[in-house]
C-alpha cells in the first residue's frame, strides 16, 4: 500500500485569517508511534539527492491561484473569518477529525462534512467506534503547543472545546451556500 506525507503552510499574509492553531514543535517520543514502510516499487519515493533548496525558483513565484479562482478563494476566506469570529479554534477542528476517526492523509469515500451517524463510513475511516472526549483531548494535547492562561499557568485541553461552534451535521451547525447574493443559513 503506497503511503505518503504532506505539510500545509500558510502564506505569511494569510496566517491571521485562519483559526489559531499552534502545533507542537517537539517530536519527542515520535519513535514509539511511527514505523518504517518498505519503499513501494509501484509508487517509489524519489531518490535522496542530498541537495538542499535554499531559494525558491523564479518559476515558483509565478505560481498561485488562477485569476478565475481568486473570487472563490476570497469567498472561502470570508467564510473562515465568520467561523473564526464565531469561535472556531484549531483544537476544535483537530478534535473533530479524531472524533470522526479520520486519518487526514488517507483517500476517503466521503468528505468530513458528510460523516454523520448512520452513514456508512466504509472506505473513509480506518477504525469505527467512538473515542471518549478524554482520549480526543489527549490527542489534541499531543499535537498542539501547551495552552497557558493569562499568568502563564498551563491549562489542560478539553474536548468538546468550550465555545466552539458545532461542526457540520451536528445540531446548530452553520451552513454556508453559494448563490447570487451572499447568504448565511443556520440549521
Protein backbone atom coordinates (compact mmCIF):
# COMPACT_ATOMS: atom_id res chain seq x y z
CA UNK A 1 0.00 0.00 0.00
CA UNK A 2 1.63 3.30 -1.05
CA UNK A 3 1.98 5.79 1.79
CA UNK A 4 2.92 9.44 1.82
CA UNK A 5 3.25 12.63 3.76
CA UNK A 6 2.11 16.21 3.30
CA UNK A 7 2.60 19.54 5.01
CA UNK A 8 0.43 22.62 4.71
CA UNK A 9 1.98 26.01 5.33
CA UNK A 10 0.09 29.27 5.23
CA UNK A 11 1.40 32.23 3.32
CA UNK A 12 2.58 34.90 5.74
CA UNK A 13 -0.01 37.39 4.53
CA UNK A 14 -2.89 34.98 5.35
CA UNK A 15 -1.77 33.39 8.65
CA UNK A 16 -4.05 35.58 10.81
CA UNK A 17 -7.10 34.78 8.68
CA UNK A 18 -7.24 31.16 9.86
CA UNK A 19 -8.28 29.81 13.27
CA UNK A 20 -5.40 29.87 15.76
CA UNK A 21 -3.52 26.57 15.82
CA UNK A 22 -0.11 26.41 17.45
CA UNK A 23 1.17 22.95 16.67
CA UNK A 24 3.81 21.34 18.83
CA UNK A 25 7.38 21.98 17.75
CA UNK A 26 8.68 18.94 19.64
CA UNK A 27 8.62 15.44 18.19
CA UNK A 28 9.70 13.88 21.49
CA UNK A 29 8.61 10.28 21.66
CA UNK A 30 7.81 10.03 17.92
CA UNK A 31 9.64 6.71 17.57
CA UNK A 32 7.09 4.93 19.75
CA UNK A 33 4.24 5.94 17.39
CA UNK A 34 5.84 5.54 13.95
CA UNK A 35 7.02 2.63 11.89
CA UNK A 36 9.03 2.17 8.72
CA UNK A 37 7.49 1.01 5.45
CA UNK A 38 9.33 -0.53 2.51
CA UNK A 39 9.64 1.81 -0.47
CA UNK A 40 6.85 0.51 -2.73
CA UNK A 41 8.11 -0.19 -6.27
CA UNK A 42 4.66 0.69 -7.69
CA UNK A 43 4.86 4.21 -6.25
CA UNK A 44 8.51 4.76 -5.33
CA UNK A 45 9.79 7.73 -3.40
CA UNK A 46 12.35 9.85 -5.26
CA UNK A 47 15.96 9.01 -4.51
CA UNK A 48 17.60 11.14 -1.83
CA UNK A 49 20.00 13.56 -3.54
CA UNK A 50 21.35 15.42 -0.55
CA UNK A 51 20.53 18.68 -2.35
CA UNK A 52 19.06 21.49 -0.31
CA UNK A 53 16.88 24.11 -1.96
CA UNK A 54 17.95 27.36 -0.36
CA UNK A 55 15.95 29.76 -2.50
CA UNK A 56 12.65 29.44 -4.35
CA UNK A 57 12.99 29.26 -8.10
CA UNK A 58 11.61 32.19 -10.09
CA UNK A 59 9.03 29.91 -11.72
CA UNK A 60 7.68 29.11 -8.23
CA UNK A 61 7.00 32.80 -7.61
CA UNK A 62 4.69 32.94 -10.66
CA UNK A 63 2.55 30.11 -9.38
CA UNK A 64 -0.55 30.89 -7.47
CA UNK A 65 -4.29 30.94 -7.73
CA UNK A 66 -5.54 31.37 -11.31
CA UNK A 67 -7.49 34.62 -11.81
CA UNK A 68 -10.74 32.71 -12.41
CA UNK A 69 -10.47 31.12 -8.93
CA UNK A 70 -9.48 34.18 -6.89
CA UNK A 71 -13.13 35.14 -6.19
CA UNK A 72 -13.80 31.65 -4.80
CA UNK A 73 -10.75 31.94 -2.54
CA UNK A 74 -11.95 35.32 -1.28
CA UNK A 75 -15.37 33.77 -0.53
CA UNK A 76 -13.71 30.91 1.35
CA UNK A 77 -11.58 33.34 3.36
CA UNK A 78 -14.71 35.37 4.23
CA UNK A 79 -16.40 32.17 5.42
CA UNK A 80 -13.37 31.23 7.50
CA UNK A 81 -13.35 34.75 9.00
CA UNK A 82 -17.02 34.40 10.05
CA UNK A 83 -16.39 30.96 11.57
CA UNK A 84 -13.32 32.27 13.39
CA UNK A 85 -15.37 35.18 14.79
CA UNK A 86 -17.94 32.61 15.99
CA UNK A 87 -15.24 30.76 17.91
CA UNK A 88 -13.79 28.09 15.61
CA UNK A 89 -10.43 27.03 17.01
CA UNK A 90 -7.72 24.76 15.64
CA UNK A 91 -8.11 22.44 18.63
CA UNK A 92 -11.81 22.00 17.80
CA UNK A 93 -11.00 21.13 14.19
CA UNK A 94 -8.32 18.63 15.25
CA UNK A 95 -10.75 17.18 17.81
CA UNK A 96 -13.42 16.72 15.14
CA UNK A 97 -11.01 14.76 12.95
CA UNK A 98 -10.24 12.46 15.86
CA UNK A 99 -13.87 12.18 16.96
CA UNK A 100 -14.88 11.14 13.45
CA UNK A 101 -11.84 8.83 13.22
CA UNK A 102 -10.44 10.42 10.05
CA UNK A 103 -6.83 9.90 9.01
CA UNK A 104 -6.01 13.29 7.39
CA UNK A 105 -3.85 11.91 4.56
CA UNK A 106 -5.97 8.95 3.51
CA UNK A 107 -8.15 8.81 0.44
CA UNK A 108 -11.78 8.94 1.64
CA UNK A 109 -15.11 7.96 0.13
CA UNK A 110 -16.90 10.78 1.99
CA UNK A 111 -15.86 14.35 2.79
CA UNK A 112 -15.66 15.17 6.51
CA UNK A 113 -18.91 17.14 6.49
CA UNK A 114 -20.94 14.13 5.29
CA UNK A 115 -19.70 11.84 8.08
CA UNK A 116 -22.80 11.57 10.23
CA UNK A 117 -24.37 8.94 12.49
CA UNK A 118 -25.96 6.17 10.44
CA UNK A 119 -23.88 6.83 7.30
CA UNK A 120 -21.61 4.01 6.07
CA UNK A 121 -18.03 5.02 6.78
CA UNK A 122 -16.52 2.14 4.82
CA UNK A 123 -13.54 3.43 2.86
CA UNK A 124 -13.48 6.64 4.89
CA UNK A 125 -12.21 5.71 8.35
CA UNK A 126 -9.65 3.16 9.45
CA UNK A 127 -11.49 2.35 12.68
CA UNK A 128 -15.10 2.76 13.70
CA UNK A 129 -16.33 3.44 17.20
CA UNK A 130 -16.47 6.49 19.40
CA UNK A 131 -13.46 7.83 21.27
CA UNK A 132 -14.23 9.24 24.71
CA UNK A 133 -13.77 13.03 24.98
CA UNK A 134 -10.78 12.49 27.33
CA UNK A 135 -8.96 10.49 24.61
CA UNK A 136 -9.71 13.17 21.99
CA UNK A 137 -8.41 15.85 24.42
CA UNK A 138 -5.21 13.80 24.95
CA UNK A 139 -4.68 13.55 21.19
CA UNK A 140 -5.15 17.33 20.81
CA UNK A 141 -2.63 17.85 23.62
CA UNK A 142 -0.08 15.66 21.82
CA UNK A 143 -0.09 17.74 18.63
CA UNK A 144 -0.53 21.28 19.93
CA UNK A 145 1.62 23.62 21.96
CA UNK A 146 0.52 23.83 25.61
CA UNK A 147 -2.29 26.29 26.40
CA UNK A 148 -1.47 28.92 29.02
CA UNK A 149 -3.75 31.23 30.93
CA UNK A 150 -3.09 34.95 31.40
CA UNK A 151 -0.46 34.37 34.09
CA UNK A 152 1.41 31.52 32.37
CA UNK A 153 -0.23 28.52 34.04
CA UNK A 154 -0.50 25.57 31.64
CA UNK A 155 -4.12 24.53 31.06
CA UNK A 156 -5.43 21.11 30.07
CA UNK A 157 -7.08 20.66 26.69
CA UNK A 158 -10.71 19.63 26.90
CA UNK A 159 -13.00 18.23 24.26
CA UNK A 160 -15.51 19.32 23.15
CA UNK A 161 -13.79 22.72 23.07
CA UNK A 162 -15.85 25.21 25.14
CA UNK A 163 -17.46 27.85 22.94
CA UNK A 164 -16.52 26.05 19.72
CA UNK A 165 -19.43 26.18 17.26
CA UNK A 166 -20.82 22.83 16.12
CA UNK A 167 -19.24 21.28 13.04
CA UNK A 168 -21.39 20.43 10.04
CA UNK A 169 -24.07 17.81 10.65
CA UNK A 170 -24.07 18.47 14.40
CA UNK A 171 -27.21 20.23 15.67
CA UNK A 172 -26.92 24.02 15.23
CA UNK A 173 -24.08 24.00 12.69
CA UNK A 174 -23.57 26.96 10.36
CA UNK A 175 -24.14 26.21 6.67
CA UNK A 176 -22.63 28.46 4.01
CA UNK A 177 -24.03 28.23 0.50
CA UNK A 178 -23.22 29.98 -2.75
CA UNK A 179 -25.91 31.95 -4.54
CA UNK A 180 -26.29 35.19 -6.46
CA UNK A 181 -26.35 37.13 -3.21
CA UNK A 182 -24.30 36.24 -0.13
CA UNK A 183 -26.35 34.24 2.38
CA UNK A 184 -25.68 32.70 5.75
CA UNK A 185 -28.01 29.97 6.94
CA UNK A 186 -28.20 28.35 10.36
CA UNK A 187 -29.53 24.84 10.90
